[in-house]
């Protein structure tokens, strides 16, 4: 059974850091573009970042550029989202998603992804 499981969320103070993980089971991530998305209460889902399968090239939304880093470890079948300098507006449920393909190329629209995890909550508050 194909599954994505996010972990690493939690409560962090403004300015703090967290690293989210997205672990795949039932399939290998080697041939999939992986994206991270988030949804805050009352807001639409927002694409945050994506990473290519072919060359690990990345793309970031303007709202997180310079603060978030997406990476992948194919040996562990896991993708990470390192988040630093967190702000209150980063508070959301964070999801990872997978789409067959080689290159990310700015693919951070939800409809472009086929498989989704259940999400991990990130709360930034003092």
C-alpha atoms as a PDB file:
ATOM      1  CA  UNK A   1       0.000   0.000   0.000  1.00  0.00           C
ATOM      2  CA  UNK A   2       1.395   3.345  -1.065  1.00  0.00           C
ATOM      3  CA  UNK A   3       1.699   5.689   1.884  1.00  0.00           C
ATOM      4  CA  UNK A   4       3.306   8.983   2.905  1.00  0.00           C
ATOM      5  CA  UNK A   5       3.741   9.771   6.580  1.00  0.00           C
ATOM      6  CA  UNK A   6       4.755  13.189   7.858  1.00  0.00           C
ATOM      7  CA  UNK A   7       6.389  13.780  11.228  1.00  0.00           C
ATOM      8  CA  UNK A   8       8.356  16.401  13.101  1.00  0.00           C
ATOM      9  CA  UNK A   9       5.692  19.005  13.689  1.00  0.00           C
ATOM     10  CA  UNK A  10       5.125  20.673  17.021  1.00  0.00           C
ATOM     11  CA  UNK A  11       5.013  23.906  18.961  1.00  0.00           C
ATOM     12  CA  UNK A  12       7.906  26.293  18.470  1.00  0.00           C
ATOM     13  CA  UNK A  13       8.559  29.898  19.414  1.00  0.00           C
ATOM     14  CA  UNK A  14       8.859  32.599  16.769  1.00  0.00           C
ATOM     15  CA  UNK A  15      12.351  32.558  15.341  1.00  0.00           C
ATOM     16  CA  UNK A  16      12.756  28.871  16.089  1.00  0.00           C
ATOM     17  CA  UNK A  17      13.363  25.903  13.809  1.00  0.00           C
ATOM     18  CA  UNK A  18      11.769  22.582  13.016  1.00  0.00           C
ATOM     19  CA  UNK A  19      12.545  19.778  10.603  1.00  0.00           C
ATOM     20  CA  UNK A  20       9.655  17.906   9.057  1.00  0.00           C
ATOM     21  CA  UNK A  21      10.042  14.452   7.573  1.00  0.00           C
ATOM     22  CA  UNK A  22       8.012  12.726   4.886  1.00  0.00           C
ATOM     23  CA  UNK A  23       8.587   8.982   4.823  1.00  0.00           C
ATOM     24  CA  UNK A  24       7.283   6.843   1.984  1.00  0.00           C
ATOM     25  CA  UNK A  25       6.264   3.213   2.156  1.00  0.00           C
ATOM     26  CA  UNK A  26       4.941   0.901  -0.504  1.00  0.00           C
ATOM     27  CA  UNK A  27       6.841   2.718  -3.252  1.00  0.00           C
ATOM     28  CA  UNK A  28      10.206   4.318  -3.877  1.00  0.00           C
ATOM     29  CA  UNK A  29      10.513   8.080  -3.992  1.00  0.00           C
ATOM     30  CA  UNK A  30      13.335   7.873  -6.564  1.00  0.00           C
ATOM     31  CA  UNK A  31      10.919   8.535  -9.440  1.00  0.00           C
ATOM     32  CA  UNK A  32       8.660  11.050  -7.794  1.00  0.00           C
ATOM     33  CA  UNK A  33       8.617  14.793  -7.417  1.00  0.00           C
ATOM     34  CA  UNK A  34       7.828  15.617  -3.806  1.00  0.00           C
ATOM     35  CA  UNK A  35       6.063  18.730  -2.660  1.00  0.00           C
ATOM     36  CA  UNK A  36       5.320  20.234   0.721  1.00  0.00           C
ATOM     37  CA  UNK A  37       2.059  22.053   1.270  1.00  0.00           C
ATOM     38  CA  UNK A  38       0.396  23.727   4.199  1.00  0.00           C
ATOM     39  CA  UNK A  39      -3.066  24.796   5.191  1.00  0.00           C
ATOM     40  CA  UNK A  40      -3.925  27.177   7.986  1.00  0.00           C
ATOM     41  CA  UNK A  41      -7.435  27.337   9.474  1.00  0.00           C
ATOM     42  CA  UNK A  42      -9.744  29.315   7.242  1.00  0.00           C
ATOM     43  CA  UNK A  43      -7.173  29.589   4.473  1.00  0.00           C
ATOM     44  CA  UNK A  44      -6.585  27.817   1.211  1.00  0.00           C
ATOM     45  CA  UNK A  45      -3.905  25.188   0.879  1.00  0.00           C
ATOM     46  CA  UNK A  46      -0.575  26.711  -0.106  1.00  0.00           C
ATOM     47  CA  UNK A  47       2.290  25.066  -1.921  1.00  0.00           C
ATOM     48  CA  UNK A  48       5.508  25.633   0.010  1.00  0.00           C
ATOM     49  CA  UNK A  49       8.300  23.830  -1.821  1.00  0.00           C
ATOM     50  CA  UNK A  50       9.081  20.959  -4.159  1.00  0.00           C
ATOM     51  CA  UNK A  51      12.096  18.863  -5.066  1.00  0.00           C
ATOM     52  CA  UNK A  52      12.928  17.018  -8.263  1.00  0.00           C
ATOM     53  CA  UNK A  53      13.654  13.323  -8.446  1.00  0.00           C
ATOM     54  CA  UNK A  54      16.245  13.569 -11.212  1.00  0.00           C
ATOM     55  CA  UNK A  55      18.683  16.155  -9.838  1.00  0.00           C
ATOM     56  CA  UNK A  56      17.198  17.262  -6.501  1.00  0.00           C
ATOM     57  CA  UNK A  57      16.596  20.746  -7.877  1.00  0.00           C
ATOM     58  CA  UNK A  58      14.192  22.732  -5.747  1.00  0.00           C
ATOM     59  CA  UNK A  59      11.563  25.426  -5.882  1.00  0.00           C
ATOM     60  CA  UNK A  60      10.163  27.562  -3.070  1.00  0.00           C
ATOM     61  CA  UNK A  61       7.183  29.781  -2.582  1.00  0.00           C
ATOM     62  CA  UNK A  62       8.160  33.401  -2.006  1.00  0.00           C
ATOM     63  CA  UNK A  63       6.708  33.276   1.485  1.00  0.00           C
ATOM     64  CA  UNK A  64       9.317  30.748   2.644  1.00  0.00           C
ATOM     65  CA  UNK A  65      12.268  31.390   0.353  1.00  0.00           C
ATOM     66  CA  UNK A  66      15.472  31.779   2.334  1.00  0.00           C
ATOM     67  CA  UNK A  67      13.948  30.249   5.465  1.00  0.00           C
ATOM     68  CA  UNK A  68      12.885  26.755   4.390  1.00  0.00           C
ATOM     69  CA  UNK A  69      15.009  24.071   2.761  1.00  0.00           C
ATOM     70  CA  UNK A  70      13.659  20.937   1.126  1.00  0.00           C
ATOM     71  CA  UNK A  71      15.925  17.931   0.696  1.00  0.00           C
ATOM     72  CA  UNK A  72      15.661  14.244  -0.020  1.00  0.00           C
ATOM     73  CA  UNK A  73      17.438  11.086   1.051  1.00  0.00           C
ATOM     74  CA  UNK A  74      16.495   8.407  -1.433  1.00  0.00           C
ATOM     75  CA  UNK A  75      18.355   5.759   0.546  1.00  0.00           C
ATOM     76  CA  UNK A  76      15.972   6.406   3.432  1.00  0.00           C
ATOM     77  CA  UNK A  77      13.016   6.994   1.115  1.00  0.00           C
ATOM     78  CA  UNK A  78      12.417  10.246   2.939  1.00  0.00           C
ATOM     79  CA  UNK A  79      12.080  13.921   2.102  1.00  0.00           C
ATOM     80  CA  UNK A  80      12.721  16.671   4.628  1.00  0.00           C
ATOM     81  CA  UNK A  81      11.614  20.245   5.113  1.00  0.00           C
ATOM     82  CA  UNK A  82      13.982  22.226   7.313  1.00  0.00           C
ATOM     83  CA  UNK A  83      12.263  25.333   8.581  1.00  0.00           C
ATOM     84  CA  UNK A  84      14.068  28.169  10.343  1.00  0.00           C
ATOM     85  CA  UNK A  85      13.219  31.720  11.407  1.00  0.00           C
ATOM     86  CA  UNK A  86       9.663  30.547  11.885  1.00  0.00           C
ATOM     87  CA  UNK A  87       6.893  33.114  12.102  1.00  0.00           C
ATOM     88  CA  UNK A  88       3.384  32.973  13.496  1.00  0.00           C
ATOM     89  CA  UNK A  89       2.057  32.981   9.961  1.00  0.00           C
ATOM     90  CA  UNK A  90       3.839  29.683   9.311  1.00  0.00           C
ATOM     91  CA  UNK A  91       1.365  28.003  11.651  1.00  0.00           C
ATOM     92  CA  UNK A  92      -0.502  25.377   9.635  1.00  0.00           C
ATOM     93  CA  UNK A  93      -1.030  21.707   8.975  1.00  0.00           C
ATOM     94  CA  UNK A  94       1.842  20.639   6.738  1.00  0.00           C
ATOM     95  CA  UNK A  95       1.450  17.920   4.135  1.00  0.00           C
ATOM     96  CA  UNK A  96       3.815  16.184   1.782  1.00  0.00           C
ATOM     97  CA  UNK A  97       2.681  14.885  -1.575  1.00  0.00           C
ATOM     98  CA  UNK A  98       4.157  12.850  -4.419  1.00  0.00           C
ATOM     99  CA  UNK A  99       3.787  13.061  -8.178  1.00  0.00           C
ATOM    100  CA  UNK A 100       5.455  10.806 -10.753  1.00  0.00           C
ATOM    101  CA  UNK A 101       8.050  12.727 -12.690  1.00  0.00           C
ATOM    102  CA  UNK A 102      11.607  13.961 -12.913  1.00  0.00           C
ATOM    103  CA  UNK A 103      11.571  17.688 -12.356  1.00  0.00           C
ATOM    104  CA  UNK A 104       9.859  19.937  -9.873  1.00  0.00           C
ATOM    105  CA  UNK A 105       9.839  23.017 -12.131  1.00  0.00           C
ATOM    106  CA  UNK A 106       7.720  25.038  -9.785  1.00  0.00           C
ATOM    107  CA  UNK A 107       5.061  22.377  -9.309  1.00  0.00           C
ATOM    108  CA  UNK A 108       3.469  23.515  -6.093  1.00  0.00           C
ATOM    109  CA  UNK A 109      -0.169  23.312  -7.097  1.00  0.00           C
ATOM    110  CA  UNK A 110      -2.037  20.629  -5.243  1.00  0.00           C
ATOM    111  CA  UNK A 111      -3.825  19.199  -8.252  1.00  0.00           C
ATOM    112  CA  UNK A 112      -0.476  18.202  -9.743  1.00  0.00           C
ATOM    113  CA  UNK A 113       0.091  15.622  -7.023  1.00  0.00           C
ATOM    114  CA  UNK A 114      -1.345  12.153  -6.752  1.00  0.00           C
ATOM    115  CA  UNK A 115      -0.464  10.897  -3.286  1.00  0.00           C
ATOM    116  CA  UNK A 116      -0.799  12.729  -0.009  1.00  0.00           C
ATOM    117  CA  UNK A 117       0.106  12.198   3.615  1.00  0.00           C
ATOM    118  CA  UNK A 118      -2.145  12.963   6.570  1.00  0.00           C
ATOM    119  CA  UNK A 119      -0.217  16.016   7.693  1.00  0.00           C
ATOM    120  CA  UNK A 120       1.720  17.203  10.726  1.00  0.00           C
ATOM    121  CA  UNK A 121       0.781  20.294  12.718  1.00  0.00           C
ATOM    122  CA  UNK A 122       3.215  23.169  13.082  1.00  0.00           C
ATOM    123  CA  UNK A 123       2.335  25.876  15.581  1.00  0.00           C
ATOM    124  CA  UNK A 124       4.510  28.951  15.966  1.00  0.00           C
ATOM    125  CA  UNK A 125       3.634  30.833  19.117  1.00  0.00           C
ATOM    126  CA  UNK A 126       5.233  32.388  22.157  1.00  0.00           C
END
